[in-house]
Amino acid sequence: MTRESMLKKSHSNAECSPERPLFTDGGIPSDRQRVLPPADARPTHILALSGAIVQQYHVETLLALVESVHPDAIVAVPPFANSVAPAIRRRLNTPILQPGRGMRPDSITAGNDEILIVAPPASDRSLTIEAIPDHLSTKETSDSEGESQGKLPEHYCIVTDALSLSVDPYERSAGVEGFSEYSDRLPTEWSHDRMTHLSTALRAGFTTTLGDRLEQNSATIVGVGNSEANLGVGHERADTSATVVSIYHNGAVSTETVQPERFGLRSLTQVGQQRAETLRQAGFESPSAIAETNVAAIAQLPKIGSRTAVTIHTAAKATATGCVMPTGDDSLPHGDPVFIDIETDGRNPSTAWLIGVLDGDVENGNYLAFREMRPGDGTHLDAFMTWLTGTAMGRPVVAWHGYNFDFPVIEDQLRQHCPEYVDAWNESYCFDPLYWARDKNGGNAALPGRTNKLEAVARPLGWEPTTTGIDGQTIAEVYVAWRTRFERASDPRSVTEPPWDRLERYCEDDVRALATIYEALRDAARRDPHSSTPVSENSTQGALSDFT
């Protein structure tokens, strides 16, 4: 089968120190141990919205975004930060924080009062804990005289506009400006290793650690806005994406960029800004409203037509009902599939150190983890291909986004470590359900997720992860840090290994999510795209799949 080119995306997770800023292009390997969230802990979610977003998107789109993310707090960020609260405050109960506004700090507690989120006011004066009403949030202890005492939060999240990026284009280095003065204004009772600093003056997703990278007492800074630094030709100074920051009480933090057009009417196939406005003027404010009407009502609207109306209505049904809706007649593979997912060292990988396999269905399938024992040994690839060409011989190999990532990465790894298996791999039938549903012959199914990410599609179909607080990027960083320590150590046996069981369970979650989606595609066979009722034997409606 034709192999698609590998998806290559740049990945950067910069670390720098105040004394000598490090390069921010990810070119310097770090052996710093990544802080993982406690198992099964619930994170505090913070949604960063700019004024540019609220000015560009309809309020119903913004409300759908907030409803999906369900943040504990919204942070207003530039440009036009002052316009965020007036645009959405009346429709929401979610607190909206903005640093540098007013004379008193905005603050809330979240995560069972374990995390305090503070947005300091516009002032050069020191921020005292007495000025923060939520600092002592619970009443669990008492002193010797019976006076109620407050319990200090386990972690502090400070939202600030005082930290910016300084770029030296000649040295190709970057550092954070303003930290010393900003830090001096924070309460002396707070320790930096219990704080996360969210800067609205740093680009969303920028993450750095100030201080000695090998010491615990360091400061974690995460960008949630737009940088004013001169970053060179071709850099987008400001965009209209939102940022979700997940913070745990032990200091673990992750960020995710979300596109507002993935929510509300704009999330539907073939619905852009103009068609969304046409639908709203006709009284359709949400995908659910479109799903509850008929195709004819959509088709009669200006500049839509019957074919486009079917596409829009089908996508709305998938979103509103959380079901897969058929749109084409191409068949799924014959035979029992083998579901796979790989873990690598980044989005432009040099290794696939783990191949997770689900042999069977979602509930009862057997999970197999083929993991390297030493960096670069390749023995797990040999074990995987031995199993695939033996026990699983002739069965279709299924991977989500496989044509653009998993399949070409595996082929590349085999060429490096096990060239004797390259022909056998190329002769196997590899199947990508995302490509099949979205692209093959115009698409064969409308998926229920807000995005096409594996987890986003699987959750509406009933899948729930068993691991929380980690994602592919986090796992890659954990692996790279371990590999760096391993390669630098005089005695590799002395290097503490990552929690392999937890990382392998994450991969198992992914292959079971994949199987959930595949089974939903299979079960959608012979279903009318405009109802949830199976089509009769005499129907002319095409089937999604035709198994023998």
Protein backbone atom coordinates (compact mmCIF):
# COMPACT_ATOMS: atom_id res chain seq x y z
CA MET A 1 0.00 0.00 0.00
CA THR A 2 1.09 3.57 -0.52
CA ARG A 3 2.96 5.04 2.44
CA GLU A 4 2.20 8.68 3.19
CA SER A 5 5.04 11.02 4.16
CA MET A 6 5.76 11.26 7.86
CA LEU A 7 4.22 14.18 9.74
CA LYS A 8 7.03 16.34 11.02
CA LYS A 9 6.40 19.10 13.50
CA SER A 10 8.89 21.13 15.39
CA HIS A 11 8.93 20.61 19.11
CA SER A 12 10.50 22.88 21.62
CA ASN A 13 10.59 22.74 25.38
CA ALA A 14 13.18 25.26 26.32
CA GLU A 15 15.04 25.56 29.57
CA CYS A 16 17.11 28.57 30.49
CA SER A 17 18.84 30.00 33.51
CA PRO A 18 19.02 33.62 34.58
CA GLU A 19 22.81 33.61 34.43
CA ARG A 20 23.21 32.06 30.99
CA PRO A 21 20.02 31.59 28.96
CA LEU A 22 19.92 28.36 27.03
CA PHE A 23 18.81 28.03 23.45
CA THR A 24 15.06 27.77 23.06
CA ASP A 25 15.07 25.53 20.00
CA GLY A 26 15.17 22.31 21.99
CA GLY A 27 18.69 21.60 20.81
CA ILE A 28 20.16 21.14 24.29
CA PRO A 29 19.24 17.81 25.87
CA SER A 30 18.16 17.97 29.48
CA ASP A 31 18.43 15.29 32.11
CA ARG A 32 16.03 17.07 34.44
CA GLN A 33 13.45 14.64 35.80
CA ARG A 34 10.01 15.66 34.58
CA VAL A 35 7.50 16.04 37.41
CA LEU A 36 4.60 13.71 36.73
CA PRO A 37 1.22 14.36 38.29
CA PRO A 38 0.03 12.05 41.03
CA ALA A 39 -1.80 9.04 39.69
CA ASP A 40 -5.56 9.62 39.35
CA ALA A 41 -5.26 13.25 40.49
CA ARG A 42 -7.65 15.81 39.04
CA PRO A 43 -5.95 18.84 37.51
CA THR A 44 -6.96 22.46 37.77
CA HIS A 45 -7.78 23.76 34.29
CA ILE A 46 -7.11 27.36 33.29
CA LEU A 47 -8.34 28.67 29.93
CA ALA A 48 -6.42 31.61 28.45
CA LEU A 49 -8.54 33.74 26.10
CA SER A 50 -7.37 36.83 24.27
CA GLY A 51 -9.47 39.81 23.30
CA ALA A 52 -8.67 38.96 19.68
CA ILE A 53 -10.54 35.68 20.13
CA VAL A 54 -13.68 37.19 21.66
CA GLN A 55 -13.74 39.84 18.94
CA GLN A 56 -13.45 37.31 16.12
CA TYR A 57 -15.76 34.51 17.26
CA HIS A 58 -19.46 34.48 18.04
CA VAL A 59 -20.36 34.27 21.71
CA GLU A 60 -22.04 30.88 21.18
CA THR A 61 -18.74 29.50 19.86
CA LEU A 62 -16.93 30.84 22.92
CA LEU A 63 -19.54 29.33 25.24
CA ALA A 64 -19.18 25.95 23.51
CA LEU A 65 -15.42 26.19 23.98
CA VAL A 66 -15.76 26.98 27.68
CA GLU A 67 -18.34 24.23 28.16
CA SER A 68 -16.03 21.68 26.57
CA VAL A 69 -12.91 22.70 28.52
CA HIS A 70 -14.83 23.29 31.77
CA PRO A 71 -12.07 25.47 33.25
CA ASP A 72 -11.75 26.42 36.90
CA ALA A 73 -10.78 29.92 35.78
CA ILE A 74 -10.44 31.99 32.62
CA VAL A 75 -7.44 34.27 32.18
CA ALA A 76 -7.79 37.32 29.94
CA VAL A 77 -4.64 37.84 27.86
CA PRO A 78 -3.51 40.38 25.25
CA PRO A 79 -4.21 41.61 22.71
CA PHE A 80 -7.26 43.54 23.91
CA ALA A 81 -7.39 41.72 27.26
CA ASN A 82 -9.83 44.29 28.65
CA SER A 83 -12.51 43.14 26.20
CA VAL A 84 -12.64 39.52 27.38
CA ALA A 85 -14.67 39.88 30.58
CA PRO A 86 -17.36 42.23 29.15
CA ALA A 87 -17.93 39.89 26.20
CA ILE A 88 -18.65 36.69 28.13
CA ARG A 89 -19.02 37.42 31.86
CA ARG A 90 -22.83 37.70 31.79
CA ARG A 91 -23.19 34.24 30.20
CA LEU A 92 -20.76 32.41 32.49
CA ASN A 93 -20.24 31.58 36.15
CA THR A 94 -16.53 30.87 35.60
CA PRO A 95 -14.19 33.38 37.32
CA ILE A 96 -12.30 35.63 34.88
CA LEU A 97 -8.87 36.80 36.07
CA GLN A 98 -6.72 39.50 34.53
CA PRO A 99 -3.31 40.52 35.86
CA GLY A 100 -2.41 44.17 36.15
CA ARG A 101 -6.01 45.28 36.68
CA GLY A 102 -7.42 47.14 39.67
CA MET A 103 -5.91 47.73 43.09
CA ARG A 104 -6.46 44.30 44.63
CA PRO A 105 -5.47 40.85 43.39
CA ASP A 106 -7.97 38.55 41.74
CA SER A 107 -7.81 35.10 43.30
CA ILE A 108 -9.64 31.79 43.52
CA THR A 109 -8.93 28.39 45.01
CA ALA A 110 -9.33 25.22 42.97
CA GLY A 111 -8.57 21.52 43.11
CA ASN A 112 -10.21 20.90 46.49
CA ASP A 113 -8.57 24.10 47.79
CA GLU A 114 -5.13 22.65 47.02
CA ILE A 115 -4.23 25.28 44.42
CA LEU A 116 -4.46 29.05 44.80
CA ILE A 117 -4.65 31.06 41.57
CA VAL A 118 -3.70 34.73 41.91
CA ALA A 119 -3.60 37.57 39.38
CA PRO A 120 -1.69 40.46 41.03
CA PRO A 121 -2.92 44.04 40.48
CA ALA A 122 -1.17 46.85 38.68
CA SER A 123 1.21 47.90 41.42
CA ASP A 124 4.93 48.03 42.19
CA ARG A 125 4.26 47.27 45.80
CA SER A 126 4.82 43.85 47.31
CA LEU A 127 1.96 41.39 47.23
CA THR A 128 1.09 40.29 50.75
CA ILE A 129 -0.86 37.22 51.73
CA GLU A 130 -3.20 39.45 53.78
CA ALA A 131 -4.37 41.04 50.51
CA ILE A 132 -5.43 37.66 49.11
CA PRO A 133 -8.85 36.68 50.49
CA ASP A 134 -8.58 33.04 49.39
CA HIS A 135 -5.10 32.43 50.76
CA LEU A 136 -6.36 30.69 53.86
CA SER A 137 -9.07 28.68 52.20
CA THR A 138 -10.02 25.94 54.62
CA LYS A 139 -10.65 25.75 58.36
CA GLU A 140 -9.15 22.44 59.40
CA THR A 141 -6.84 23.31 62.28
CA SER A 142 -6.94 25.49 65.36
CA ASP A 143 -4.29 27.04 67.57
CA SER A 144 -3.80 26.56 71.30
CA GLU A 145 -6.50 29.12 72.10
CA GLY A 146 -9.07 27.50 69.85
CA GLU A 147 -8.82 30.09 67.10
CA SER A 148 -9.51 28.71 63.63
CA GLN A 149 -6.50 28.58 61.42
CA GLY A 150 -6.37 28.40 57.70
CA LYS A 151 -4.75 25.64 55.71
CA LEU A 152 -2.15 26.87 53.23
CA PRO A 153 -2.57 25.72 49.63
CA GLU A 154 -0.19 23.05 48.38
CA HIS A 155 0.58 24.98 45.20
CA TYR A 156 0.37 28.57 43.96
CA CYS A 157 -0.38 29.63 40.41
CA ILE A 158 0.56 33.27 39.75
CA VAL A 159 -0.82 34.91 36.61
CA THR A 160 1.40 37.85 35.66
CA ASP A 161 2.16 40.27 32.85
CA ALA A 162 5.58 41.16 34.29
CA LEU A 163 7.63 38.41 32.61
CA SER A 164 8.68 38.75 28.99
CA LEU A 165 11.11 37.16 26.57
CA SER A 166 14.49 38.63 25.71
CA VAL A 167 15.93 37.30 22.46
CA ASP A 168 19.53 37.63 21.30
CA PRO A 169 19.42 36.79 17.57
CA TYR A 170 23.20 36.78 17.31
CA GLU A 171 23.74 34.31 20.15
CA ARG A 172 20.55 32.46 19.21
CA SER A 173 19.54 32.49 22.84
CA ALA A 174 16.61 33.67 24.89
CA GLY A 175 15.94 34.50 28.49
CA VAL A 176 13.12 35.68 30.68
CA GLU A 177 13.22 39.34 31.64
CA GLY A 178 11.82 40.89 34.78
CA PHE A 179 11.85 37.84 37.02
CA SER A 180 14.03 39.24 39.81
CA GLU A 181 11.93 42.36 40.37
CA TYR A 182 8.71 40.38 39.97
CA SER A 183 9.85 37.69 42.38
CA ASP A 184 10.79 40.26 45.03
CA ARG A 185 7.17 41.49 45.10
CA LEU A 186 5.75 38.06 45.91
CA PRO A 187 5.10 36.96 49.51
CA THR A 188 8.26 35.82 51.22
CA GLU A 189 6.31 32.89 52.73
CA TRP A 190 5.94 31.32 49.29
CA SER A 191 8.59 28.96 47.99
CA HIS A 192 9.35 28.93 44.27
CA ASP A 193 9.23 25.15 44.11
CA ARG A 194 5.54 25.41 45.07
CA MET A 195 4.70 28.02 42.42
CA THR A 196 3.87 28.02 38.73
CA HIS A 197 4.07 31.37 36.96
CA LEU A 198 1.72 31.93 34.01
CA SER A 199 2.89 34.85 31.89
CA THR A 200 0.50 36.65 29.56
CA ALA A 201 3.54 38.27 27.89
CA LEU A 202 5.04 34.97 26.73
CA ARG A 203 3.71 32.99 23.78
CA ALA A 204 1.31 30.20 24.57
CA GLY A 205 3.08 26.89 25.15
CA PHE A 206 6.49 28.41 25.95
CA THR A 207 7.80 26.64 29.03
CA THR A 208 11.05 27.29 30.84
CA THR A 209 12.64 26.64 34.20
CA LEU A 210 14.74 29.31 35.90
CA GLY A 211 17.44 28.38 38.35
CA ASP A 212 19.75 25.44 38.61
CA ARG A 213 18.15 22.69 36.57
CA LEU A 214 19.38 20.05 38.98
CA GLU A 215 17.97 21.76 42.07
CA GLN A 216 14.42 21.44 43.35
CA ASN A 217 14.11 25.11 44.24
CA SER A 218 13.50 26.41 40.73
CA ALA A 219 10.81 28.48 39.07
CA THR A 220 8.53 27.11 36.37
CA ILE A 221 7.26 29.69 33.90
CA VAL A 222 4.57 28.92 31.32
CA GLY A 223 3.47 31.25 28.53
CA VAL A 224 -0.27 31.74 28.01
CA GLY A 225 -0.30 34.84 25.79
CA ASN A 226 1.71 36.47 23.04
CA SER A 227 5.34 37.49 23.12
CA GLU A 228 6.33 41.03 22.23
CA ALA A 229 9.89 39.93 21.53
CA ASN A 230 11.30 40.21 18.04
CA LEU A 231 11.37 36.56 17.03
CA GLY A 232 12.27 37.02 13.40
CA VAL A 233 10.69 36.92 9.99
CA GLY A 234 7.75 34.58 9.57
CA HIS A 235 6.80 34.43 13.23
CA GLU A 236 3.16 34.99 14.00
CA ARG A 237 3.17 37.67 16.67
CA ALA A 238 -0.40 36.95 17.68
CA ASP A 239 -2.87 34.27 16.75
CA THR A 240 -6.42 33.44 17.69
CA SER A 241 -5.89 30.13 19.42
CA ALA A 242 -6.78 29.55 23.04
CA THR A 243 -4.58 27.81 25.60
CA VAL A 244 -5.59 25.28 28.25
CA VAL A 245 -3.18 24.91 31.17
CA SER A 246 -3.54 21.89 33.46
CA ILE A 247 -1.88 22.24 36.88
CA TYR A 248 -1.61 19.62 39.62
CA HIS A 249 -1.04 20.22 43.29
CA ASN A 250 2.46 18.69 43.12
CA GLY A 251 3.55 21.25 40.49
CA ALA A 252 3.14 19.11 37.37
CA VAL A 253 1.87 21.25 34.50
CA SER A 254 0.92 20.75 30.85
CA THR A 255 -0.44 23.02 28.12
CA GLU A 256 -2.63 22.44 25.11
CA THR A 257 -3.54 24.80 22.30
CA VAL A 258 -7.15 24.68 21.10
CA GLN A 259 -8.74 26.32 18.09
CA PRO A 260 -12.06 28.08 18.79
CA GLU A 261 -13.40 27.19 15.34
CA ARG A 262 -13.49 23.57 16.53
CA PHE A 263 -16.43 24.46 18.72
CA GLY A 264 -19.99 25.55 18.07
CA LEU A 265 -21.23 25.82 14.49
CA ARG A 266 -17.72 26.37 13.13
CA SER A 267 -16.81 22.84 14.22
CA LEU A 268 -19.10 21.32 11.58
CA THR A 269 -17.74 20.20 8.23
CA GLN A 270 -18.09 22.86 5.50
CA VAL A 271 -19.25 25.52 7.98
CA GLY A 272 -17.07 28.59 7.97
CA GLN A 273 -17.71 32.05 9.31
CA GLN A 274 -20.20 33.04 6.59
CA ARG A 275 -22.26 29.83 6.74
CA ALA A 276 -22.22 29.93 10.53
CA GLU A 277 -23.76 33.40 10.41
CA THR A 278 -26.35 32.20 7.88
CA LEU A 279 -27.33 29.35 10.20
CA ARG A 280 -27.55 31.66 13.22
CA GLN A 281 -29.79 34.09 11.37
CA ALA A 282 -32.07 31.15 10.61
CA GLY A 283 -32.28 30.30 14.32
CA PHE A 284 -29.67 27.53 14.51
CA GLU A 285 -27.32 28.46 17.34
CA SER A 286 -25.67 25.08 17.96
CA PRO A 287 -24.94 21.70 16.34
CA SER A 288 -27.75 20.21 18.48
CA ALA A 289 -30.27 22.60 16.94
CA ILE A 290 -29.19 21.55 13.45
CA ALA A 291 -29.30 17.87 14.37
CA GLU A 292 -32.89 18.23 15.60
CA THR A 293 -34.15 19.69 12.30
CA ASN A 294 -34.29 18.05 8.88
CA VAL A 295 -31.97 18.35 5.92
CA ALA A 296 -34.54 20.21 3.84
CA ALA A 297 -34.62 23.08 6.35
CA ILE A 298 -30.86 23.47 6.01
CA ALA A 299 -30.83 23.06 2.22
CA GLN A 300 -33.23 25.94 1.64
CA LEU A 301 -30.92 28.46 3.32
CA PRO A 302 -28.96 30.85 1.06
CA LYS A 303 -25.81 29.44 -0.60
CA ILE A 304 -25.98 26.04 1.05
CA GLY A 305 -27.78 23.61 -1.23
CA SER A 306 -28.82 20.00 -0.75
CA ARG A 307 -25.40 18.29 -0.95
CA THR A 308 -23.79 20.67 1.55
CA ALA A 309 -26.87 20.48 3.77
CA VAL A 310 -26.47 16.70 4.03
CA THR A 311 -22.82 17.10 5.03
CA ILE A 312 -23.62 19.75 7.65
CA HIS A 313 -26.56 17.82 9.07
CA THR A 314 -24.60 14.58 9.30
CA ALA A 315 -21.70 16.29 11.09
CA ALA A 316 -24.18 17.91 13.50
CA LYS A 317 -25.76 14.53 14.25
CA ALA A 318 -22.36 13.03 15.03
CA THR A 319 -21.47 15.91 17.36
CA ALA A 320 -24.85 16.12 19.09
CA THR A 321 -25.40 12.38 19.58
CA GLY A 322 -21.82 11.29 20.19
CA CYS A 323 -22.12 8.65 17.47
CA VAL A 324 -20.32 7.79 14.26
CA MET A 325 -22.45 8.70 11.24
CA PRO A 326 -21.76 7.00 7.88
CA THR A 327 -21.06 9.19 4.86
CA GLY A 328 -19.51 6.79 2.31
CA ASP A 329 -19.47 3.26 0.97
CA ASP A 330 -15.84 2.14 1.29
CA SER A 331 -15.29 -1.05 3.23
CA LEU A 332 -13.31 -1.58 6.38
CA PRO A 333 -10.59 -4.25 6.25
CA HIS A 334 -11.52 -7.92 6.39
CA GLY A 335 -10.18 -9.95 9.25
CA ASP A 336 -9.50 -9.32 12.92
CA PRO A 337 -7.47 -6.12 13.30
CA VAL A 338 -4.30 -5.60 15.29
CA PHE A 339 -4.43 -2.19 17.01
CA ILE A 340 -1.08 -0.47 17.53
CA ASP A 341 0.28 2.78 18.93
CA ILE A 342 3.90 3.89 19.23
CA GLU A 343 5.69 6.11 21.75
CA THR A 344 8.68 8.09 20.48
CA ASP A 345 11.16 10.72 21.60
CA GLY A 346 9.24 13.57 19.97
CA ARG A 347 7.23 14.60 16.96
CA ASN A 348 10.25 14.35 14.70
CA PRO A 349 11.37 11.03 16.16
CA SER A 350 14.70 9.30 16.13
CA THR A 351 13.33 6.23 17.90
CA ALA A 352 10.11 4.38 18.61
CA TRP A 353 10.97 3.00 22.03
CA LEU A 354 7.55 1.44 22.68
CA ILE A 355 5.08 -0.33 20.40
CA GLY A 356 1.80 -1.02 22.16
CA VAL A 357 -0.46 -3.69 20.68
CA LEU A 358 -4.06 -4.66 21.45
CA ASP A 359 -4.83 -8.17 20.26
CA GLY A 360 -8.62 -8.46 20.39
CA ASP A 361 -11.54 -6.22 21.34
CA VAL A 362 -11.79 -3.28 23.74
CA GLU A 363 -13.00 -5.20 26.77
CA ASN A 364 -11.19 -8.51 26.54
CA GLY A 365 -8.29 -7.91 24.19
CA ASN A 366 -4.75 -8.78 25.29
CA TYR A 367 -2.35 -5.84 25.55
CA LEU A 368 1.27 -6.41 24.55
CA ALA A 369 4.03 -3.88 25.21
CA PHE A 370 7.17 -4.15 23.06
CA ARG A 371 9.62 -1.77 24.80
CA GLU A 372 13.34 -1.24 24.36
CA MET A 373 15.47 -2.22 27.35
CA ARG A 374 18.45 0.00 26.50
CA PRO A 375 18.51 3.11 24.32
CA GLY A 376 18.91 2.14 20.69
CA ASP A 377 19.11 -1.64 21.15
CA GLY A 378 16.26 -2.43 18.73
CA THR A 379 15.46 -5.80 20.30
CA HIS A 380 11.83 -4.79 20.88
CA LEU A 381 11.41 -4.22 17.13
CA ASP A 382 12.60 -7.76 16.45
CA ALA A 383 10.16 -9.08 19.06
CA PHE A 384 7.28 -7.09 17.57
CA MET A 385 7.93 -8.29 14.02
CA THR A 386 8.40 -11.88 15.20
CA TRP A 387 4.93 -11.70 16.76
CA LEU A 388 3.38 -9.86 13.80
CA THR A 389 4.72 -12.28 11.19
CA GLY A 390 3.89 -15.30 13.33
CA THR A 391 0.88 -15.16 15.64
CA ALA A 392 -0.72 -12.17 13.84
CA MET A 393 0.28 -13.04 10.30
CA GLY A 394 -2.10 -11.72 7.63
CA ARG A 395 -4.17 -9.54 9.96
CA PRO A 396 -4.67 -5.81 9.22
CA VAL A 397 -2.53 -3.45 11.31
CA VAL A 398 -4.58 -0.45 12.49
CA ALA A 399 -3.16 2.85 13.78
CA TRP A 400 -4.76 6.28 14.24
CA HIS A 401 -3.00 8.78 11.99
CA GLY A 402 -0.87 5.83 11.03
CA TYR A 403 -0.16 6.83 7.43
CA ASN A 404 1.45 10.07 8.57
CA PHE A 405 3.24 8.86 11.68
CA ASP A 406 3.20 5.33 13.12
CA PHE A 407 3.66 3.36 9.90
CA PRO A 408 6.56 5.35 8.35
CA VAL A 409 8.27 5.62 11.76
CA ILE A 410 8.15 1.85 12.22
CA GLU A 411 9.48 1.31 8.71
CA ASP A 412 12.34 3.73 9.37
CA GLN A 413 13.19 2.00 12.65
CA LEU A 414 13.18 -1.40 10.97
CA ARG A 415 15.57 -0.15 8.29
CA GLN A 416 17.95 1.01 11.03
CA HIS A 417 17.76 -1.97 13.38
CA CYS A 418 16.07 -4.93 11.66
CA PRO A 419 16.37 -4.57 7.88
CA GLU A 420 15.49 -8.22 7.37
CA TYR A 421 11.90 -7.37 8.36
CA VAL A 422 11.37 -4.38 6.05
CA ASP A 423 9.85 -6.42 3.22
CA ALA A 424 7.51 -8.24 5.60
CA TRP A 425 6.39 -4.92 7.08
CA ASN A 426 5.75 -3.39 3.65
CA GLU A 427 3.72 -6.42 2.66
CA SER A 428 1.42 -6.13 5.69
CA TYR A 429 -1.93 -4.42 5.29
CA CYS A 430 -1.77 -1.16 7.26
CA PHE A 431 -5.01 0.73 7.81
CA ASP A 432 -5.57 4.25 9.13
CA PRO A 433 -9.20 4.73 10.30
CA LEU A 434 -8.78 8.51 10.58
CA TYR A 435 -7.76 8.76 6.91
CA TRP A 436 -10.56 6.34 5.95
CA ALA A 437 -13.23 8.28 7.83
CA ARG A 438 -12.09 11.79 6.93
CA ASP A 439 -10.35 11.64 3.54
CA LYS A 440 -10.68 8.43 1.52
CA ASN A 441 -12.90 9.06 -1.51
CA GLY A 442 -14.26 12.18 0.14
CA GLY A 443 -14.69 10.57 3.57
CA ASN A 444 -16.66 7.63 4.88
CA ALA A 445 -17.80 8.69 8.34
CA ALA A 446 -18.51 11.79 10.41
CA LEU A 447 -16.79 11.50 13.79
CA PRO A 448 -18.19 12.86 17.07
CA GLY A 449 -15.10 14.54 18.50
CA ARG A 450 -14.49 18.28 18.69
CA THR A 451 -11.12 17.51 17.11
CA ASN A 452 -9.67 14.53 15.27
CA LYS A 453 -7.37 13.61 18.14
CA LEU A 454 -7.73 10.01 19.24
CA GLU A 455 -8.94 10.83 22.75
CA ALA A 456 -11.39 13.50 21.54
CA VAL A 457 -13.10 11.04 19.20
CA ALA A 458 -13.08 8.07 21.59
CA ARG A 459 -14.54 9.82 24.66
CA PRO A 460 -18.00 10.53 23.16
CA LEU A 461 -18.11 6.85 22.16
CA GLY A 462 -17.82 5.76 25.79
CA TRP A 463 -14.07 5.28 26.23
CA GLU A 464 -12.51 6.46 29.49
CA PRO A 465 -8.76 6.46 30.18
CA THR A 466 -7.29 4.59 33.12
CA THR A 467 -4.30 6.93 33.34
CA THR A 468 -4.56 10.69 33.86
CA GLY A 469 -2.23 13.64 33.79
CA ILE A 470 0.13 12.47 31.06
CA ASP A 471 0.13 12.72 27.30
CA GLY A 472 2.38 11.84 24.41
CA GLN A 473 4.55 14.92 24.81
CA THR A 474 5.04 14.30 28.53
CA ILE A 475 5.98 10.69 27.92
CA ALA A 476 8.48 11.73 25.25
CA GLU A 477 10.09 14.20 27.66
CA VAL A 478 10.30 11.57 30.41
CA TYR A 479 11.94 9.12 28.03
CA VAL A 480 14.44 11.67 26.66
CA ALA A 481 15.46 12.73 30.17
CA TRP A 482 16.04 9.10 31.15
CA ARG A 483 17.96 8.40 27.94
CA THR A 484 20.16 11.45 28.48
CA ARG A 485 21.00 10.40 32.04
CA PHE A 486 21.61 6.82 30.87
CA GLU A 487 24.02 7.87 28.12
CA ARG A 488 25.92 10.28 30.39
CA ALA A 489 26.25 7.94 33.36
CA SER A 490 29.52 6.18 34.07
CA ASP A 491 27.43 3.30 35.42
CA PRO A 492 24.05 3.17 33.61
CA ARG A 493 22.79 0.69 36.21
CA SER A 494 22.74 3.53 38.74
CA VAL A 495 20.26 5.60 36.73
CA THR A 496 16.76 5.65 38.17
CA GLU A 497 14.30 4.39 35.60
CA PRO A 498 10.99 6.10 34.80
CA PRO A 499 7.69 4.55 35.90
CA TRP A 500 7.56 2.23 32.88
CA ASP A 501 4.33 0.57 34.01
CA ARG A 502 2.51 3.90 34.04
CA LEU A 503 3.87 4.89 30.62
CA GLU A 504 2.89 1.53 29.17
CA ARG A 505 -0.62 1.87 30.62
CA TYR A 506 -0.95 5.20 28.82
CA CYS A 507 -0.11 3.46 25.56
CA GLU A 508 -2.61 0.74 26.43
CA ASP A 509 -5.25 3.43 26.91
CA ASP A 510 -4.52 4.67 23.40
CA VAL A 511 -4.88 1.31 21.69
CA ARG A 512 -8.12 0.61 23.56
CA ALA A 513 -9.38 4.05 22.52
CA LEU A 514 -8.47 3.13 18.95
CA ALA A 515 -10.36 -0.15 19.23
CA THR A 516 -13.38 1.75 20.61
CA ILE A 517 -13.45 3.96 17.52
CA TYR A 518 -12.95 1.04 15.15
CA GLU A 519 -15.81 -0.89 16.71
CA ALA A 520 -18.03 2.18 16.42
CA LEU A 521 -17.19 2.41 12.70
CA ARG A 522 -18.03 -1.26 12.31
CA ASP A 523 -21.29 -0.96 14.27
CA ALA A 524 -22.36 2.00 12.15
CA ALA A 525 -22.73 -0.30 9.12
CA ARG A 526 -26.11 -0.06 7.40
CA ARG A 527 -27.13 2.94 9.42
CA ASP A 528 -29.03 5.78 7.81
CA PRO A 529 -26.88 8.91 8.32
CA HIS A 530 -29.96 10.91 9.32
CA SER A 531 -31.14 8.58 12.07
CA SER A 532 -29.86 6.03 14.53
CA THR A 533 -32.06 3.30 13.07
CA PRO A 534 -30.42 0.53 11.05
CA VAL A 535 -31.46 0.39 7.43
CA SER A 536 -33.53 -2.61 6.30
CA GLU A 537 -32.28 -5.36 4.05
CA ASN A 538 -33.98 -3.77 1.03
CA SER A 539 -32.56 -0.29 1.66
CA THR A 540 -30.30 1.33 -0.91
CA GLN A 541 -28.25 3.04 1.83
CA GLY A 542 -24.60 2.00 1.49
CA ALA A 543 -22.93 0.14 4.34
CA LEU A 544 -19.82 1.33 6.12
CA SER A 545 -18.31 -2.09 6.09
CA ASP A 546 -18.92 -5.48 4.57
CA PHE A 547 -17.31 -8.24 6.57
CA THR A 548 -17.13 -11.79 5.37
